[in-house]
Amino acid sequence: MDYPTVRMRRLRKNSNIRDIVRETKLNKEDLIYPIYFKEGLKKGEKEEISTMPGQFRYSIEDGVEYAKELESKGLRSIIVFGIPLEETKDPVGSPAFMEEGIVQTAIRALKKETNLVIIGDVCLCQYTSHGHCGLIHEYDKGDINDNTDDGVKILNDPSLKYLAKTAVSQAKAGADIVAPSDMMDGRVEAIRNALDEECYEDVMIMSYSAKFASSFYAPFRDAADSAPGKGNRKSYQMDPANGREAIRECELDVVEGADMLMVKPALPYLDIIKTVKEDFNLPLVSYNVSGEYSMIMAAIDKGYLTEDSIMESLLSIKRAGADLIITYFAPYLLDHL
């Protein structure tokens, strides 16, 4: 009887061998934790996010304390989201760029109390009265100039001014990195120019370069109270069917001055992550979004999956090519890596 000369199982025979030959390794410094600060909450009043088990909206004090706890376990980076008071929202998203806005206040507190790399999410959707990521024009029913799907046109160029103001306000508060997530054309260049003009040339731009119009964002919209009041985001976020277009988006962001690229969501777009990694030399981030988190957590709760699925899913994102992963699983991973 002939026996195989090449025995692949030699590389798997025990945990020590598997550890030393493992091709893809997830490290604590690869993780970025998304944290929500809500204006109006007092110390001790954190709010559980019903659609995201184990995730909360925090007051400034409680959010900073939690960030410090995660830092003590090895977390290196955090991305900050804000929920303003409802009555302060307006058509241009003014709370997004106010000096005393919730994100700006949180960034200053985090910089004072931690050594974390602080990333500010730059968008208008949480702060506008209409819930879109840019300024809008609403057409009257039957208007012959209306070529939209739902009577709402997102005004690209006028929005750039307010996105740039938001980025500068976050840089002024102390953000190390600003991350435009709006998907307006030209926003990276507008933000880069605004930062440089205000002498924040060392502040990096982590661009949500290939951000798809995904159903996996639903829990986030609940968490951040950012669902659009009318229409949807399909005219500015990417069609999930398009891969080549994602590469064009990344190319444009590189030309406009992005320091890091991002693919969002992660698990349904591993092919895009792999292609972007192969085509560009910039650090690549992927966002393991709210729906991916809630889907796995629900399956674990039901007993359909075990907690091992958390590590397996994150390893797949890293294996596809992501250098950094924004993930709600960061607290779990910090305890298990």
Protein backbone atom coordinates (compact mmCIF):
# COMPACT_ATOMS: atom_id res chain seq x y z
CA MET A 1 0.00 0.00 0.00
CA ASP A 2 1.33 3.42 -0.98
CA TYR A 3 1.40 6.14 1.64
CA PRO A 4 1.48 9.89 0.98
CA THR A 5 4.86 11.64 1.12
CA VAL A 6 3.28 15.03 1.69
CA ARG A 7 1.20 14.93 4.84
CA MET A 8 -0.51 18.28 5.43
CA ARG A 9 -1.76 17.10 8.79
CA ARG A 10 1.78 17.38 10.17
CA LEU A 11 1.14 21.13 10.30
CA ARG A 12 -2.01 20.62 12.37
CA LYS A 13 -1.07 17.88 14.84
CA ASN A 14 -1.30 19.96 18.02
CA SER A 15 -2.02 23.50 19.20
CA ASN A 16 1.65 24.49 19.51
CA ILE A 17 2.34 23.56 15.88
CA ARG A 18 -0.85 25.23 14.69
CA ASP A 19 0.12 28.40 16.54
CA ILE A 20 3.56 28.75 14.96
CA VAL A 21 2.45 28.08 11.37
CA ARG A 22 -0.72 30.17 11.50
CA GLU A 23 -0.79 32.42 8.43
CA THR A 24 -3.26 35.06 9.63
CA LYS A 25 -3.11 36.49 13.12
CA LEU A 26 -5.42 39.03 14.70
CA ASN A 27 -3.72 41.45 17.06
CA LYS A 28 -5.18 43.85 19.59
CA GLU A 29 -3.68 46.80 17.76
CA ASP A 30 -5.68 45.79 14.65
CA LEU A 31 -8.93 46.69 16.40
CA ILE A 32 -10.82 49.98 16.36
CA TYR A 33 -13.80 50.23 18.70
CA PRO A 34 -16.83 52.35 17.66
CA ILE A 35 -18.29 54.22 20.64
CA TYR A 36 -21.48 56.31 20.86
CA PHE A 37 -21.74 59.45 22.96
CA LYS A 38 -25.21 60.89 23.49
CA GLU A 39 -25.81 64.49 24.40
CA GLY A 40 -27.97 65.01 27.48
CA LEU A 41 -27.00 61.81 29.28
CA LYS A 42 -25.60 62.25 32.78
CA LYS A 43 -22.98 60.11 34.47
CA GLY A 44 -24.40 56.64 35.11
CA GLU A 45 -27.16 57.00 32.50
CA LYS A 46 -25.81 54.86 29.69
CA GLU A 47 -28.51 53.56 27.34
CA GLU A 48 -28.51 50.02 26.02
CA ILE A 49 -28.94 49.77 22.24
CA SER A 50 -31.77 47.27 21.85
CA THR A 51 -30.72 46.09 18.38
CA MET A 52 -27.06 45.67 19.38
CA PRO A 53 -26.79 43.46 22.48
CA GLY A 54 -24.03 44.59 24.82
CA GLN A 55 -23.60 47.99 23.15
CA PHE A 56 -24.55 51.31 24.73
CA ARG A 57 -24.92 55.03 24.21
CA TYR A 58 -22.75 56.77 26.78
CA SER A 59 -22.50 60.04 28.62
CA ILE A 60 -19.12 61.74 28.24
CA GLU A 61 -18.00 60.53 31.68
CA ASP A 62 -19.10 56.92 31.26
CA GLY A 63 -17.83 56.65 27.69
CA VAL A 64 -14.40 57.92 28.65
CA GLU A 65 -14.24 55.51 31.60
CA TYR A 66 -15.15 52.61 29.33
CA ALA A 67 -12.54 53.70 26.80
CA LYS A 68 -9.94 53.76 29.58
CA GLU A 69 -10.95 50.23 30.59
CA LEU A 70 -10.56 48.98 27.02
CA GLU A 71 -7.21 50.76 26.70
CA SER A 72 -5.97 48.96 29.81
CA LYS A 73 -6.74 45.68 28.01
CA GLY A 74 -4.74 46.67 24.93
CA LEU A 75 -7.06 48.69 22.71
CA ARG A 76 -5.15 51.28 20.67
CA SER A 77 -7.82 53.09 18.61
CA ILE A 78 -11.38 54.31 18.96
CA ILE A 79 -13.82 55.91 16.52
CA VAL A 80 -16.28 58.41 17.97
CA PHE A 81 -19.94 58.82 16.98
CA GLY A 82 -22.30 61.40 18.46
CA ILE A 83 -26.03 61.67 19.02
CA PRO A 84 -27.09 65.30 19.54
CA LEU A 85 -30.25 66.58 21.17
CA GLU A 86 -33.16 66.19 18.77
CA GLU A 87 -34.16 69.84 19.03
CA THR A 88 -30.72 71.00 17.86
CA LYS A 89 -30.87 69.22 14.50
CA ASP A 90 -31.30 71.42 11.42
CA PRO A 91 -31.15 71.12 7.61
CA VAL A 92 -27.35 71.61 7.45
CA GLY A 93 -26.41 69.49 10.47
CA SER A 94 -25.02 72.33 12.60
CA PRO A 95 -24.41 70.16 15.70
CA ALA A 96 -21.84 68.22 13.66
CA PHE A 97 -19.41 71.12 13.57
CA MET A 98 -20.18 73.06 16.74
CA GLU A 99 -17.15 73.67 18.99
CA GLU A 100 -19.11 72.30 21.95
CA GLY A 101 -20.77 69.51 19.96
CA ILE A 102 -21.06 66.07 21.47
CA VAL A 103 -18.26 64.56 19.34
CA GLN A 104 -15.94 67.49 19.88
CA THR A 105 -16.52 67.38 23.65
CA ALA A 106 -15.94 63.61 23.69
CA ILE A 107 -12.73 63.91 21.68
CA ARG A 108 -11.31 66.51 24.07
CA ALA A 109 -12.17 64.32 27.06
CA LEU A 110 -10.67 61.21 25.46
CA LYS A 111 -7.46 63.03 24.55
CA LYS A 112 -7.16 64.28 28.11
CA GLU A 113 -7.82 60.93 29.80
CA THR A 114 -6.35 58.35 27.40
CA ASN A 115 -3.51 57.71 24.97
CA LEU A 116 -5.81 56.16 22.40
CA VAL A 117 -5.68 57.09 18.72
CA ILE A 118 -8.89 59.09 18.33
CA ILE A 119 -10.84 58.93 15.07
CA GLY A 120 -13.80 61.21 14.42
CA ASP A 121 -16.56 60.01 12.14
CA VAL A 122 -17.33 62.87 9.73
CA CYS A 123 -20.91 62.84 8.51
CA LEU A 124 -24.09 64.88 8.82
CA CYS A 125 -26.80 62.22 9.05
CA GLN A 126 -27.07 62.14 12.87
CA TYR A 127 -27.21 65.93 12.97
CA THR A 128 -29.59 66.89 10.15
CA SER A 129 -33.32 67.23 10.66
CA HIS A 130 -33.90 65.11 7.52
CA GLY A 131 -31.41 62.34 8.37
CA HIS A 132 -29.37 62.43 5.15
CA CYS A 133 -25.58 62.59 4.94
CA GLY A 134 -25.63 65.81 2.94
CA LEU A 135 -27.88 68.77 2.24
CA ILE A 136 -31.08 67.99 0.36
CA HIS A 137 -33.59 69.44 -2.06
CA GLU A 138 -37.13 68.07 -1.99
CA TYR A 139 -39.15 68.21 -5.19
CA ASP A 140 -42.86 68.82 -5.29
CA LYS A 141 -44.92 65.94 -6.59
CA GLY A 142 -45.05 66.05 -10.37
CA ASP A 143 -42.10 68.44 -10.74
CA ILE A 144 -40.74 67.88 -14.25
CA ASN A 145 -37.17 68.44 -12.98
CA ASP A 146 -37.44 65.57 -10.51
CA ASN A 147 -35.33 62.68 -11.79
CA THR A 148 -34.91 61.05 -8.39
CA ASP A 149 -36.43 57.81 -7.12
CA ASP A 150 -38.23 59.41 -4.22
CA GLY A 151 -38.38 63.18 -4.64
CA VAL A 152 -35.23 63.85 -2.62
CA LYS A 153 -32.00 65.05 -4.23
CA ILE A 154 -28.81 65.05 -2.18
CA LEU A 155 -26.85 68.22 -2.96
CA ASN A 156 -23.28 67.10 -3.38
CA ASP A 157 -21.20 70.28 -3.75
CA PRO A 158 -22.99 72.43 -1.14
CA SER A 159 -22.53 69.59 1.35
CA LEU A 160 -18.73 69.64 1.05
CA LYS A 161 -18.48 72.94 2.94
CA TYR A 162 -20.22 71.51 5.99
CA LEU A 163 -18.33 68.23 5.91
CA ALA A 164 -15.05 70.15 5.79
CA LYS A 165 -16.19 72.31 8.72
CA THR A 166 -17.00 69.16 10.68
CA ALA A 167 -13.56 67.67 10.00
CA VAL A 168 -11.78 70.87 11.03
CA SER A 169 -13.82 71.11 14.23
CA GLN A 170 -12.83 67.55 15.14
CA ALA A 171 -9.18 68.24 14.37
CA LYS A 172 -9.35 71.33 16.54
CA ALA A 173 -10.75 69.21 19.38
CA GLY A 174 -7.76 66.87 19.08
CA ALA A 175 -8.74 64.08 16.67
CA ASP A 176 -5.77 62.22 15.24
CA ILE A 177 -7.77 61.00 12.25
CA VAL A 178 -10.99 62.17 10.59
CA ALA A 179 -13.11 59.64 8.75
CA PRO A 180 -15.60 60.99 6.18
CA SER A 181 -18.44 58.48 5.80
CA ASP A 182 -20.88 60.54 3.72
CA MET A 183 -19.90 59.32 0.23
CA MET A 184 -20.18 62.75 -1.39
CA ASP A 185 -17.98 63.13 -4.47
CA GLY A 186 -14.88 65.22 -3.78
CA ARG A 187 -15.16 65.27 -0.01
CA VAL A 188 -11.65 63.96 0.64
CA GLU A 189 -10.08 66.81 -1.35
CA ALA A 190 -12.38 69.37 0.31
CA ILE A 191 -11.48 68.10 3.77
CA ARG A 192 -7.76 67.86 3.01
CA ASN A 193 -7.70 71.45 1.75
CA ALA A 194 -9.65 72.71 4.76
CA LEU A 195 -7.41 70.89 7.23
CA ASP A 196 -4.26 72.18 5.57
CA GLU A 197 -5.56 75.76 5.45
CA GLU A 198 -6.23 75.59 9.21
CA CYS A 199 -2.72 74.16 9.90
CA TYR A 200 -3.94 70.65 10.64
CA GLU A 201 -1.83 69.11 7.91
CA ASP A 202 -0.78 66.26 10.23
CA VAL A 203 -4.36 65.09 10.81
CA MET A 204 -4.99 61.99 8.71
CA ILE A 205 -8.02 61.16 6.58
CA MET A 206 -9.43 57.65 6.85
CA SER A 207 -11.89 57.66 3.99
CA TYR A 208 -14.95 55.43 3.81
CA SER A 209 -13.94 54.87 0.20
CA ALA A 210 -16.13 51.94 -0.78
CA LYS A 211 -19.22 52.30 1.37
CA PHE A 212 -22.10 50.25 0.06
CA ALA A 213 -25.83 50.97 0.45
CA SER A 214 -26.24 48.01 2.77
CA SER A 215 -29.12 46.56 4.76
CA PHE A 216 -26.51 45.62 7.38
CA TYR A 217 -26.54 49.22 8.69
CA ALA A 218 -30.02 48.95 10.22
CA PRO A 219 -28.92 48.57 13.88
CA PHE A 220 -26.54 51.53 13.53
CA ARG A 221 -29.36 53.77 12.35
CA ASP A 222 -31.26 52.81 15.47
CA ALA A 223 -28.19 53.38 17.65
CA ALA A 224 -27.38 56.80 16.18
CA ASP A 225 -30.96 57.89 15.38
CA SER A 226 -29.81 58.57 11.83
CA ALA A 227 -32.37 56.97 9.53
CA PRO A 228 -33.43 59.35 6.72
CA GLY A 229 -36.88 60.81 7.19
CA LYS A 230 -37.66 60.53 3.49
CA GLY A 231 -36.03 58.58 0.69
CA ASN A 232 -32.91 56.44 1.03
CA ARG A 233 -29.15 56.66 0.55
CA LYS A 234 -28.84 54.69 -2.67
CA SER A 235 -28.02 57.77 -4.76
CA TYR A 236 -24.77 58.33 -2.86
CA GLN A 237 -23.80 55.05 -1.20
CA MET A 238 -22.62 52.32 -3.56
CA ASP A 239 -24.70 49.67 -5.30
CA PRO A 240 -23.85 46.31 -3.63
CA ALA A 241 -23.63 44.71 -7.08
CA ASN A 242 -20.67 46.84 -8.22
CA GLY A 243 -17.07 45.82 -7.62
CA ARG A 244 -15.19 47.75 -10.29
CA GLU A 245 -16.90 50.95 -9.20
CA ALA A 246 -15.51 50.39 -5.69
CA ILE A 247 -11.99 50.41 -7.09
CA ARG A 248 -12.67 53.68 -8.92
CA GLU A 249 -13.88 55.20 -5.65
CA CYS A 250 -10.64 54.15 -3.97
CA GLU A 251 -8.55 55.52 -6.83
CA LEU A 252 -10.22 58.91 -6.53
CA ASP A 253 -9.69 59.02 -2.77
CA VAL A 254 -6.01 58.26 -3.21
CA VAL A 255 -5.67 61.10 -5.72
CA GLU A 256 -7.59 63.48 -3.42
CA GLY A 257 -5.28 62.82 -0.49
CA ALA A 258 -6.69 60.02 1.64
CA ASP A 259 -4.20 58.46 4.06
CA MET A 260 -6.24 55.29 4.63
CA LEU A 261 -8.94 53.53 2.63
CA MET A 262 -11.97 51.72 3.97
CA VAL A 263 -14.39 49.07 2.75
CA LYS A 264 -17.78 48.97 4.51
CA PRO A 265 -19.43 46.55 5.34
CA ALA A 266 -16.88 43.78 5.77
CA LEU A 267 -18.19 40.22 5.65
CA PRO A 268 -20.42 40.57 2.54
CA TYR A 269 -17.58 42.40 0.73
CA LEU A 270 -14.49 40.29 1.38
CA ASP A 271 -13.83 40.19 -2.36
CA ILE A 272 -13.67 44.01 -2.42
CA ILE A 273 -11.30 44.06 0.56
CA LYS A 274 -9.00 41.60 -1.21
CA THR A 275 -8.97 43.57 -4.47
CA VAL A 276 -8.38 46.92 -2.76
CA LYS A 277 -5.50 45.41 -0.78
CA GLU A 278 -3.91 44.10 -3.96
CA ASP A 279 -4.36 47.34 -5.92
CA PHE A 280 -3.32 50.00 -3.38
CA ASN A 281 -0.48 50.52 -0.92
CA LEU A 282 -2.39 52.57 1.63
CA PRO A 283 -3.41 51.11 5.00
CA LEU A 284 -6.75 49.38 4.54
CA VAL A 285 -9.55 49.50 7.09
CA SER A 286 -12.75 47.49 7.02
CA TYR A 287 -15.85 48.15 9.11
CA ASN A 288 -17.41 45.04 10.64
CA VAL A 289 -20.74 46.83 10.85
CA SER A 290 -23.65 46.75 13.28
CA GLY A 291 -25.72 44.25 11.31
CA GLU A 292 -22.83 41.81 11.10
CA TYR A 293 -22.37 42.11 14.87
CA SER A 294 -26.07 41.75 15.71
CA MET A 295 -26.53 38.83 13.31
CA ILE A 296 -23.77 36.81 14.95
CA MET A 297 -24.81 37.79 18.47
CA ALA A 298 -28.39 36.71 17.76
CA ALA A 299 -27.20 33.37 16.38
CA ILE A 300 -25.05 32.81 19.48
CA ASP A 301 -27.98 33.71 21.73
CA LYS A 302 -30.21 31.20 19.92
CA GLY A 303 -27.55 28.50 20.09
CA TYR A 304 -27.19 28.32 16.32
CA LEU A 305 -23.52 29.33 16.57
CA THR A 306 -20.87 29.30 19.29
CA GLU A 307 -18.63 32.20 20.31
CA ASP A 308 -15.91 30.68 18.10
CA SER A 309 -17.78 32.27 15.18
CA ILE A 310 -16.66 35.71 16.40
CA MET A 311 -12.97 35.00 15.95
CA GLU A 312 -13.54 33.12 12.70
CA SER A 313 -15.46 36.00 11.17
CA LEU A 314 -12.84 38.58 12.17
CA LEU A 315 -10.01 36.38 10.90
CA SER A 316 -11.74 36.20 7.51
CA ILE A 317 -11.68 40.01 7.30
CA LYS A 318 -8.00 40.12 8.22
CA ARG A 319 -7.18 37.27 5.83
CA ALA A 320 -8.94 39.11 2.99
CA GLY A 321 -6.49 41.99 3.46
CA ALA A 322 -7.74 44.45 6.09
CA ASP A 323 -4.98 45.98 8.17
CA LEU A 324 -7.39 47.47 10.70
CA ILE A 325 -10.91 46.41 11.62
CA ILE A 326 -13.59 48.62 13.14
CA THR A 327 -15.66 46.20 15.19
CA TYR A 328 -18.15 46.06 18.04
CA PHE A 329 -16.55 42.76 18.97
CA ALA A 330 -13.40 44.59 20.17
CA PRO A 331 -14.23 44.25 23.91
CA TYR A 332 -14.74 40.49 23.48
CA LEU A 333 -11.59 40.10 21.44
CA LEU A 334 -9.48 42.06 23.91
CA ASP A 335 -10.38 39.42 26.50
CA HIS A 336 -9.64 36.49 24.20
CA LEU A 337 -6.61 37.39 22.10
